[in-house]
Amino acid sequence: MSAKYDLIVIGSGPSGQRAAVAASKLKKKVAIIESRSVVGGVCVNTGTIPSKTMREAVLHLSGYNYRNVYGMNYRVKEKITMADLAFRVQGVIKTEIDVTEAQLSRNGIDVIHGIAHFLTPESIRVEGPETDTTLEASRIVIAVGTRPATSPQVPINGRTIINSDQIMDLPKLPRTLIIVGGGVIGVEYTCMFAVLGVRCTVIEKRGKLLEFCDQEIVETLSYHLRDSRVTMRLGEELESVEELPDGTVVANLKSHKKVSGDALLYAVGRQGNVDDLKLENAGLQADSRGRIPVDENFQTTVPNIYAVGDVIGFPSLASVSMEQGRISVARAFEDMHTVSNPSFYPYGIYTIPEISFIGKTEEQLTEEDVPYEVGMAYYREVARGQIRGDTTGRLKLIFHRDTRKVLGVHIIGEGASELVHIGQAVMTLDGTVDYFIETVFNYPTLAECYKVAAFNGLGRLHRYQ
């Protein structure tokens, strides 16, 4: 006998959790299937939450944010260990799991732990240590997330050659670290280890880091990385990795260079967690990277099955995944119009210093022949920047030369991912750069950077009129 539901969600990460709660609010009977013994998915257990908590621990223990105030030798703790970092990470993970479990319970959502696979487009088998059951539902949402991609050239051993899920398994802080991959994950961990005094070498086959970001912002980050003694091997491709008898890890590049270190982090891409789903039984097929194709409603080629979150690919942001979960359920059950504009989704990259942006980059606008002007504000120009000791940050405002509409906001500096939401609100409401001129911001705050940048940009505009 199978249990019947209105909606089955496979995966309890941000997208699955939001989809389940949204359906519950519509008075639907909902079940979530989670392969782990705890809820939260990759986001809570191995991805976003652990990495951002580790970053916070690194900044606090190293005293990084206050070195400009108290001197370069300022430290909260002199000898920082992996155990110090893990202590804070595990505490936050436990709390987030408890919060998620409480939310699902409060909304009457059944949580079933086990491995799920399709029997038909409307029925799923769940098998686990304490579960062996069949579930049926008229609608199904796939929210299984991703895992670190593997490469035959990189023999992951979980000790000295690791992926991003295994950071906390490092027995001790390495003196030298090789990071393969100059994407978001690779660069975020590079920043953290560099602040801890680890000599890092980044290997990236593309010619630039974070190619989707505004290049002036990336250049600023690259300067800080080099200032933290990070070596960047851009335009270089990995050929093989080996571990020597003494434990040293050697990365052999196709250019015949060799890079050695105490450990290597492989952070090139991620793979959809679809292997156990038996998608063929539902009439579905994933691509070579485990991604499931969907339309603008997050509907797959099988009408009653939706897919959301990292398993559908770019942008693979927890914040966006939550929105995808909400929208998929609204469209699946209500066939209602839900307002959500992906062009106004903000991006947060938790490097050191932090990067956040919304809207178009200068490179995109130039390619589209859009006439624009730029206003720049530096944290060092506002009192809050001096108070915080962050004199390296900057806020870049891009607006249309004729209509003065805000086209993009790009920020690097601590608090960037919070600060960007002011620009997001103005852009969403179709505002112009004049809003920042005419609005009073609290003093002293980093929000003042918007006013400084607006005056700077309009000053440039008036010079050419």
Protein backbone atom coordinates (compact mmCIF):
# COMPACT_ATOMS: atom_id res chain seq x y z
CA MET A 1 0.00 0.00 0.00
CA SER A 2 1.50 3.35 -1.02
CA ALA A 3 1.07 6.68 0.76
CA LYS A 4 -0.63 9.38 -1.30
CA TYR A 5 0.33 13.05 -1.32
CA ASP A 6 -0.49 16.16 -3.33
CA LEU A 7 3.21 16.96 -3.65
CA ILE A 8 6.44 15.02 -3.15
CA VAL A 9 9.66 17.02 -2.90
CA ILE A 10 12.95 15.16 -3.34
CA GLY A 11 15.59 17.05 -1.35
CA SER A 12 15.35 19.33 1.70
CA GLY A 13 17.80 22.07 0.72
CA PRO A 14 16.68 25.70 0.26
CA SER A 15 14.67 25.05 -2.93
CA GLY A 16 13.01 21.87 -1.68
CA GLN A 17 12.23 23.36 1.70
CA ARG A 18 10.66 26.48 0.17
CA ALA A 19 8.64 24.40 -2.32
CA ALA A 20 7.29 22.17 0.44
CA VAL A 21 6.32 25.08 2.71
CA ALA A 22 4.69 26.96 -0.20
CA ALA A 23 2.55 23.90 -1.00
CA SER A 24 1.66 23.48 2.66
CA LYS A 25 0.40 27.09 2.74
CA LEU A 26 -1.92 26.11 -0.14
CA LYS A 27 -3.36 23.37 2.14
CA LYS A 28 -1.68 20.57 0.21
CA LYS A 29 -0.48 17.30 1.71
CA VAL A 30 3.31 17.33 1.30
CA ALA A 31 6.20 14.92 1.82
CA ILE A 32 9.91 15.68 1.63
CA ILE A 33 12.36 12.88 0.89
CA GLU A 34 15.89 13.46 2.21
CA SER A 35 18.78 11.04 1.58
CA ARG A 36 20.78 12.32 4.57
CA SER A 37 19.93 11.51 8.16
CA VAL A 38 19.37 15.25 8.73
CA VAL A 39 17.54 17.92 6.73
CA GLY A 40 19.04 21.02 5.11
CA GLY A 41 20.71 19.51 2.06
CA VAL A 42 24.08 20.61 0.74
CA CYS A 43 23.41 24.24 1.72
CA VAL A 44 23.24 23.57 5.46
CA ASN A 45 25.49 20.53 5.78
CA THR A 46 28.46 20.94 3.43
CA GLY A 47 28.04 24.07 1.29
CA THR A 48 26.79 27.59 1.90
CA ILE A 49 26.30 27.61 5.67
CA PRO A 50 29.56 25.84 6.63
CA SER A 51 31.69 27.90 4.22
CA LYS A 52 30.19 31.23 5.29
CA THR A 53 30.49 30.29 8.96
CA MET A 54 34.10 29.30 8.41
CA ARG A 55 34.69 32.66 6.74
CA GLU A 56 33.25 34.47 9.76
CA ALA A 57 35.43 32.42 12.11
CA VAL A 58 38.50 33.20 9.99
CA LEU A 59 37.78 36.94 10.02
CA HIS A 60 37.17 36.98 13.76
CA LEU A 61 40.07 34.83 14.94
CA SER A 62 42.58 36.41 12.57
CA GLY A 63 41.52 39.96 13.44
CA TYR A 64 41.61 40.72 9.71
CA ASN A 65 38.97 43.45 9.74
CA TYR A 66 40.84 45.48 12.34
CA ARG A 67 44.42 45.24 11.14
CA ASN A 68 44.14 48.68 9.59
CA VAL A 69 43.24 50.00 13.05
CA TYR A 70 45.47 48.00 15.39
CA GLY A 71 48.32 47.04 13.06
CA MET A 72 49.19 44.09 10.81
CA ASN A 73 50.22 41.91 13.77
CA TYR A 74 46.83 42.16 15.48
CA ARG A 75 45.28 38.73 16.20
CA VAL A 76 42.41 37.51 18.35
CA LYS A 77 44.05 34.06 18.51
CA GLU A 78 47.69 33.51 17.67
CA LYS A 79 47.67 29.89 16.50
CA ILE A 80 44.41 29.12 14.70
CA THR A 81 43.63 25.43 14.12
CA MET A 82 41.11 23.53 12.00
CA ALA A 83 39.43 22.56 15.30
CA ASP A 84 38.87 26.26 16.07
CA LEU A 85 37.10 26.70 12.74
CA ALA A 86 35.13 23.44 13.02
CA PHE A 87 33.86 24.39 16.49
CA ARG A 88 31.97 27.40 15.18
CA VAL A 89 30.87 25.66 11.96
CA GLN A 90 29.34 22.65 13.75
CA GLY A 91 27.43 24.88 16.15
CA VAL A 92 25.79 26.85 13.33
CA ILE A 93 24.99 23.71 11.32
CA LYS A 94 23.21 22.13 14.30
CA THR A 95 21.12 25.25 14.87
CA GLU A 96 20.17 25.52 11.18
CA ILE A 97 19.11 21.86 11.10
CA ASP A 98 16.94 22.42 14.19
CA VAL A 99 15.35 25.53 12.63
CA THR A 100 14.61 23.68 9.38
CA GLU A 101 13.13 20.65 11.17
CA ALA A 102 10.92 22.94 13.26
CA GLN A 103 9.66 24.79 10.18
CA LEU A 104 8.79 21.59 8.32
CA SER A 105 7.07 20.14 11.39
CA ARG A 106 5.15 23.36 12.04
CA ASN A 107 3.78 23.24 8.49
CA GLY A 108 2.70 19.60 8.77
CA ILE A 109 5.18 18.32 6.19
CA ASP A 110 6.17 14.65 6.40
CA VAL A 111 9.95 14.13 6.27
CA ILE A 112 11.06 10.70 5.03
CA HIS A 113 14.76 9.80 5.16
CA GLY A 114 16.06 7.49 2.45
CA ILE A 115 17.19 7.17 -1.15
CA ALA A 116 14.45 8.00 -3.66
CA HIS A 117 13.97 6.65 -7.15
CA PHE A 118 11.13 6.92 -9.63
CA LEU A 119 8.90 3.95 -10.39
CA THR A 120 6.61 5.98 -12.67
CA PRO A 121 6.12 9.73 -13.26
CA GLU A 122 3.78 9.79 -10.25
CA SER A 123 5.25 7.19 -7.89
CA ILE A 124 8.53 7.06 -5.99
CA ARG A 125 10.22 4.31 -4.01
CA VAL A 126 12.12 5.35 -0.87
CA GLU A 127 14.67 3.00 0.65
CA GLY A 128 16.74 3.65 3.76
CA PRO A 129 17.90 2.18 7.07
CA GLU A 130 14.46 2.74 8.60
CA THR A 131 12.35 3.20 5.47
CA ASP A 132 11.11 1.01 2.63
CA THR A 133 8.00 2.52 1.16
CA THR A 134 6.28 3.77 -1.99
CA LEU A 135 4.85 7.28 -2.28
CA GLU A 136 2.47 8.65 -4.89
CA ALA A 137 1.69 12.24 -5.84
CA SER A 138 0.10 14.13 -8.71
CA ARG A 139 3.03 16.58 -8.68
CA ILE A 140 6.70 16.07 -7.88
CA VAL A 141 9.50 18.59 -7.39
CA ILE A 142 13.11 17.44 -7.85
CA ALA A 143 15.43 19.47 -5.61
CA VAL A 144 18.34 17.07 -5.12
CA GLY A 145 21.14 19.64 -5.45
CA THR A 146 24.68 18.89 -6.54
CA ARG A 147 27.97 17.43 -5.33
CA PRO A 148 31.57 18.36 -6.17
CA ALA A 149 32.57 17.19 -9.63
CA THR A 150 35.34 14.62 -9.94
CA SER A 151 38.20 14.27 -12.41
CA PRO A 152 40.29 11.20 -13.34
CA GLN A 153 43.34 13.49 -13.13
CA VAL A 154 42.70 14.25 -9.45
CA PRO A 155 42.80 11.26 -7.05
CA ILE A 156 40.74 12.60 -4.11
CA ASN A 157 41.92 10.92 -0.90
CA GLY A 158 40.11 13.00 1.72
CA ARG A 159 43.38 13.88 3.49
CA THR A 160 45.74 15.90 1.33
CA ILE A 161 43.75 15.94 -1.93
CA ILE A 162 40.23 17.07 -1.16
CA ASN A 163 37.06 18.60 -2.60
CA SER A 164 35.00 21.42 -1.10
CA ASP A 165 32.83 19.01 0.94
CA GLN A 166 35.94 17.79 2.78
CA ILE A 167 37.46 21.09 3.95
CA MET A 168 36.65 20.39 7.59
CA ASP A 169 38.27 16.95 7.30
CA LEU A 170 41.74 18.47 6.90
CA PRO A 171 43.73 17.16 9.88
CA LYS A 172 45.54 20.47 10.29
CA LEU A 173 45.95 23.85 8.65
CA PRO A 174 48.33 23.38 5.69
CA ARG A 175 51.29 25.71 5.27
CA THR A 176 50.83 25.69 1.49
CA LEU A 177 47.66 24.95 -0.46
CA ILE A 178 46.96 24.43 -4.17
CA ILE A 179 43.46 25.43 -5.29
CA VAL A 180 42.35 24.08 -8.68
CA GLY A 181 39.48 26.23 -9.93
CA GLY A 182 39.04 30.00 -10.01
CA GLY A 183 35.25 30.00 -9.72
CA VAL A 184 33.21 31.12 -6.72
CA ILE A 185 34.01 28.16 -4.45
CA GLY A 186 37.72 28.08 -5.27
CA VAL A 187 38.20 31.83 -4.82
CA GLU A 188 36.18 31.96 -1.57
CA TYR A 189 38.33 29.27 0.05
CA THR A 190 41.51 30.82 -1.36
CA CYS A 191 40.66 34.07 0.44
CA MET A 192 39.96 32.30 3.74
CA PHE A 193 43.16 30.28 3.78
CA ALA A 194 45.24 33.25 2.61
CA VAL A 195 43.97 35.36 5.55
CA LEU A 196 45.07 32.53 7.86
CA GLY A 197 48.58 32.84 6.47
CA VAL A 198 48.49 29.80 4.20
CA ARG A 199 50.49 30.28 0.98
CA CYS A 200 47.93 29.62 -1.76
CA THR A 201 48.35 28.95 -5.48
CA VAL A 202 45.25 29.15 -7.69
CA ILE A 203 45.21 27.20 -10.97
CA GLU A 204 42.50 28.29 -13.42
CA LYS A 205 42.33 27.42 -17.12
CA ARG A 206 40.43 30.60 -18.00
CA GLY A 207 42.31 33.85 -18.29
CA LYS A 208 40.29 35.61 -15.55
CA LEU A 209 38.75 34.85 -12.19
CA LEU A 210 34.95 35.14 -11.81
CA GLU A 211 34.30 36.01 -15.46
CA PHE A 212 30.62 36.85 -14.85
CA CYS A 213 31.50 39.71 -12.48
CA ASP A 214 32.34 43.31 -13.34
CA GLN A 215 36.02 43.17 -14.25
CA GLU A 216 37.01 46.30 -12.33
CA ILE A 217 35.69 44.62 -9.17
CA VAL A 218 37.53 41.39 -10.01
CA GLU A 219 40.74 43.34 -10.60
CA THR A 220 40.34 44.87 -7.14
CA LEU A 221 39.91 41.40 -5.62
CA SER A 222 42.92 40.10 -7.56
CA TYR A 223 45.05 42.92 -6.13
CA HIS A 224 44.04 41.93 -2.60
CA LEU A 225 44.73 38.26 -3.30
CA ARG A 226 48.24 39.05 -4.55
CA ASP A 227 48.73 41.33 -1.55
CA SER A 228 47.92 38.28 0.61
CA ARG A 229 50.72 36.38 -1.17
CA VAL A 230 48.40 34.33 -3.36
CA THR A 231 49.98 33.09 -6.60
CA MET A 232 47.58 32.94 -9.55
CA ARG A 233 48.27 30.60 -12.45
CA LEU A 234 45.64 31.82 -14.91
CA GLY A 235 45.30 30.29 -18.35
CA GLU A 236 46.87 27.09 -17.02
CA GLU A 237 45.32 23.64 -17.26
CA LEU A 238 45.86 20.71 -14.92
CA GLU A 239 47.31 17.53 -16.40
CA SER A 240 47.71 15.31 -13.33
CA VAL A 241 48.03 15.30 -9.55
CA GLU A 242 50.27 13.05 -7.48
CA GLU A 243 51.09 12.58 -3.83
CA LEU A 244 54.77 12.02 -3.05
CA PRO A 245 55.96 9.57 -0.35
CA ASP A 246 56.62 12.45 2.06
CA GLY A 247 52.99 13.62 1.72
CA THR A 248 53.72 16.56 -0.60
CA VAL A 249 51.08 17.07 -3.30
CA VAL A 250 52.30 17.97 -6.81
CA ALA A 251 50.06 19.42 -9.52
CA ASN A 252 51.49 18.88 -13.00
CA LEU A 253 50.30 21.46 -15.53
CA LYS A 254 49.95 21.02 -19.28
CA SER A 255 52.50 23.81 -19.71
CA HIS A 256 55.02 21.46 -17.99
CA LYS A 257 55.06 23.58 -14.84
CA LYS A 258 54.86 21.90 -11.46
CA VAL A 259 53.15 23.33 -8.38
CA SER A 260 53.70 21.65 -5.01
CA GLY A 261 51.94 22.09 -1.69
CA ASP A 262 50.93 20.40 1.56
CA ALA A 263 47.38 19.91 0.26
CA LEU A 264 45.25 20.42 -2.86
CA LEU A 265 41.62 21.56 -3.07
CA TYR A 266 39.83 20.54 -6.28
CA ALA A 267 36.99 23.02 -6.89
CA VAL A 268 36.13 22.73 -10.58
CA GLY A 269 32.40 22.50 -11.14
CA ARG A 270 29.63 20.48 -9.54
CA GLN A 271 27.55 17.49 -10.63
CA GLY A 272 23.79 16.99 -10.20
CA ASN A 273 22.78 14.35 -7.64
CA VAL A 274 20.62 12.39 -10.08
CA ASP A 275 22.42 9.03 -10.16
CA ASP A 276 19.99 7.23 -7.83
CA LEU A 277 16.77 8.78 -9.13
CA LYS A 278 16.24 6.39 -12.09
CA LEU A 279 14.97 9.32 -14.13
CA GLU A 280 14.32 7.07 -17.11
CA ASN A 281 11.37 5.52 -15.23
CA ALA A 282 9.78 8.97 -15.19
CA GLY A 283 10.62 9.69 -18.82
CA LEU A 284 13.33 12.21 -17.92
CA GLN A 285 16.96 12.58 -18.86
CA ALA A 286 19.75 14.68 -17.35
CA ASP A 287 22.74 16.07 -19.26
CA SER A 288 26.37 15.01 -18.80
CA ARG A 289 26.69 17.21 -15.69
CA GLY A 290 23.55 15.83 -14.09
CA ARG A 291 21.44 18.91 -14.83
CA ILE A 292 17.73 18.57 -15.58
CA PRO A 293 16.32 20.86 -18.32
CA VAL A 294 13.28 22.97 -17.33
CA ASP A 295 11.18 25.75 -18.86
CA GLU A 296 10.47 29.22 -17.40
CA ASN A 297 7.99 27.63 -14.95
CA PHE A 298 10.64 25.11 -13.79
CA GLN A 299 8.57 22.38 -15.44
CA THR A 300 10.43 19.44 -16.97
CA THR A 301 9.47 17.65 -20.17
CA VAL A 302 7.12 15.54 -18.05
CA PRO A 303 4.24 17.93 -17.16
CA ASN A 304 3.71 16.88 -13.52
CA ILE A 305 7.42 16.94 -12.60
CA TYR A 306 9.29 20.14 -11.74
CA ALA A 307 12.97 20.69 -10.95
CA VAL A 308 14.52 23.56 -8.97
CA GLY A 309 17.77 24.61 -7.34
CA ASP A 310 21.32 23.70 -8.27
CA VAL A 311 20.23 20.58 -10.19
CA ILE A 312 18.93 22.81 -13.01
CA GLY A 313 22.23 24.74 -13.28
CA PHE A 314 23.10 28.45 -13.28
CA PRO A 315 23.00 30.54 -11.14
CA SER A 316 23.12 27.91 -8.35
CA LEU A 317 22.53 30.42 -5.55
CA ALA A 318 20.66 29.44 -2.39
CA SER A 319 18.65 32.67 -2.52
CA VAL A 320 17.56 32.06 -6.12
CA SER A 321 16.87 28.38 -5.41
CA MET A 322 14.39 29.36 -2.70
CA GLU A 323 12.55 31.57 -5.18
CA GLN A 324 12.52 28.79 -7.77
CA GLY A 325 10.93 26.46 -5.21
CA ARG A 326 8.20 28.98 -4.44
CA ILE A 327 7.48 29.74 -8.09
CA SER A 328 7.38 26.09 -9.16
CA VAL A 329 4.69 25.27 -6.60
CA ALA A 330 2.63 28.38 -7.41
CA ARG A 331 2.66 27.44 -11.08
CA ALA A 332 2.07 23.73 -10.41
CA PHE A 333 -1.02 24.12 -8.23
CA GLU A 334 -2.51 27.52 -8.82
CA ASP A 335 -1.45 28.19 -12.41
CA MET A 336 -1.18 31.70 -11.04
CA HIS A 337 1.00 34.54 -12.26
CA THR A 338 3.93 34.98 -9.89
CA VAL A 339 6.05 38.07 -10.26
CA SER A 340 9.78 37.37 -10.18
CA ASN A 341 12.36 39.06 -12.39
CA PRO A 342 15.68 37.17 -12.63
CA SER A 343 17.43 40.30 -13.90
CA PHE A 344 16.96 41.77 -10.42
CA TYR A 345 18.40 38.81 -8.52
CA PRO A 346 21.43 39.88 -6.45
CA TYR A 347 24.65 37.90 -6.33
CA GLY A 348 26.75 37.52 -3.20
CA ILE A 349 30.29 36.13 -3.36
CA TYR A 350 31.85 35.67 0.06
CA THR A 351 35.43 36.37 -0.81
CA ILE A 352 37.64 38.54 1.42
CA PRO A 353 36.76 41.31 0.78
CA GLU A 354 33.15 40.39 -0.02
CA ILE A 355 31.63 40.99 -3.48
CA SER A 356 27.98 41.60 -4.30
CA PHE A 357 26.24 42.96 -7.36
CA ILE A 358 22.98 43.33 -9.20
CA GLY A 359 22.19 44.27 -12.80
CA LYS A 360 24.51 44.70 -15.76
CA THR A 361 28.28 44.99 -15.79
CA GLU A 362 30.20 47.62 -17.77
CA GLU A 363 31.30 44.88 -20.17
CA GLN A 364 27.72 43.81 -20.89
CA LEU A 365 26.47 47.36 -21.40
CA THR A 366 29.36 48.17 -23.73
CA GLU A 367 28.58 45.07 -25.80
CA GLU A 368 24.90 46.11 -25.96
CA ASP A 369 25.80 49.70 -27.03
CA VAL A 370 23.97 51.17 -24.02
CA PRO A 371 25.10 54.72 -23.12
CA TYR A 372 25.97 54.69 -19.43
CA GLU A 373 27.87 56.61 -16.79
CA VAL A 374 29.61 55.37 -13.66
CA GLY A 375 29.70 56.80 -10.16
CA MET A 376 32.25 55.48 -7.67
CA ALA A 377 32.42 55.72 -3.87
CA TYR A 378 35.19 54.39 -1.67
CA TYR A 379 34.63 53.13 1.87
CA ARG A 380 37.55 55.30 2.95
CA GLU A 381 35.53 58.39 1.92
CA VAL A 382 32.73 57.70 4.42
CA ALA A 383 33.08 57.77 8.18
CA ARG A 384 31.72 54.25 8.70
CA GLY A 385 34.49 52.85 6.52
CA GLN A 386 37.08 54.49 8.76
CA ILE A 387 35.30 53.36 11.93
CA ARG A 388 35.16 49.77 10.71
CA GLY A 389 38.75 49.86 9.56
CA ASP A 390 37.73 48.84 6.03
CA THR A 391 39.40 51.36 3.77
CA THR A 392 39.64 49.03 0.75
CA GLY A 393 35.94 48.74 -0.17
CA ARG A 394 34.21 50.54 -3.01
CA LEU A 395 30.72 50.88 -4.46
CA LYS A 396 30.18 51.30 -8.18
CA LEU A 397 26.91 52.71 -9.48
CA ILE A 398 26.10 52.36 -13.20
CA PHE A 399 23.23 54.39 -14.67
CA HIS A 400 21.84 55.30 -18.12
CA ARG A 401 23.17 58.60 -19.44
CA ASP A 402 19.81 59.69 -20.85
CA THR A 403 17.12 58.24 -18.57
CA ARG A 404 19.38 58.16 -15.46
CA LYS A 405 17.88 54.76 -14.55
CA VAL A 406 20.10 52.58 -12.37
CA LEU A 407 21.46 49.74 -14.51
CA GLY A 408 23.85 48.05 -12.09
CA VAL A 409 25.37 48.17 -8.63
CA HIS A 410 28.72 46.47 -7.98
CA ILE A 411 30.28 46.42 -4.52
CA ILE A 412 33.46 45.01 -3.02
CA GLY A 413 34.06 45.34 0.71
CA GLU A 414 32.72 43.99 3.98
CA GLY A 415 28.93 44.15 4.16
CA ALA A 416 28.59 44.20 0.36
CA SER A 417 25.92 41.48 0.28
CA GLU A 418 23.75 43.51 2.68
CA LEU A 419 24.45 46.89 1.08
CA VAL A 420 23.47 45.73 -2.41
CA HIS A 421 19.79 45.44 -1.41
CA ILE A 422 19.36 49.22 -1.37
CA GLY A 423 20.32 49.31 -5.03
CA GLN A 424 18.12 46.26 -5.68
CA ALA A 425 15.06 48.05 -4.29
CA VAL A 426 15.67 51.14 -6.41
CA MET A 427 16.20 49.09 -9.57
CA THR A 428 13.15 46.89 -8.93
CA LEU A 429 11.01 50.00 -8.53
CA ASP A 430 12.42 51.45 -11.78
CA GLY A 431 14.24 54.24 -9.94
CA THR A 432 16.88 56.66 -11.14
CA VAL A 433 20.20 57.77 -9.74
CA ASP A 434 18.45 60.90 -8.43
CA TYR A 435 16.88 58.81 -5.66
CA PHE A 436 20.25 58.59 -3.93
CA ILE A 437 20.80 62.34 -4.20
CA GLU A 438 17.40 63.17 -2.71
CA THR A 439 17.36 60.55 0.06
CA VAL A 440 18.78 60.98 3.57
CA PHE A 441 20.84 58.04 4.82
CA ASN A 442 21.77 57.43 8.45
CA TYR A 443 25.16 58.81 9.44
CA PRO A 444 27.63 57.23 9.76
CA THR A 445 26.73 54.24 7.53
CA LEU A 446 28.10 52.46 4.51
CA ALA A 447 24.78 53.25 2.81
CA GLU A 448 26.12 56.77 2.34
CA CYS A 449 28.30 55.30 -0.40
CA TYR A 450 25.23 55.36 -2.65
CA LYS A 451 24.94 59.15 -2.26
CA VAL A 452 28.67 59.68 -2.77
CA ALA A 453 28.64 57.47 -5.89
CA ALA A 454 25.56 59.26 -7.24
CA PHE A 455 27.17 62.70 -6.84
CA ASN A 456 30.35 61.37 -8.43
CA GLY A 457 28.50 59.92 -11.43
CA LEU A 458 26.29 62.94 -12.01
CA GLY A 459 29.34 65.17 -11.74
CA ARG A 460 30.91 63.25 -14.62
CA LEU A 461 27.68 63.42 -16.60
CA HIS A 462 27.42 67.20 -16.25
CA ARG A 463 31.00 67.70 -17.39
CA TYR A 464 30.07 66.26 -20.78
CA GLN A 465 26.87 68.24 -21.27
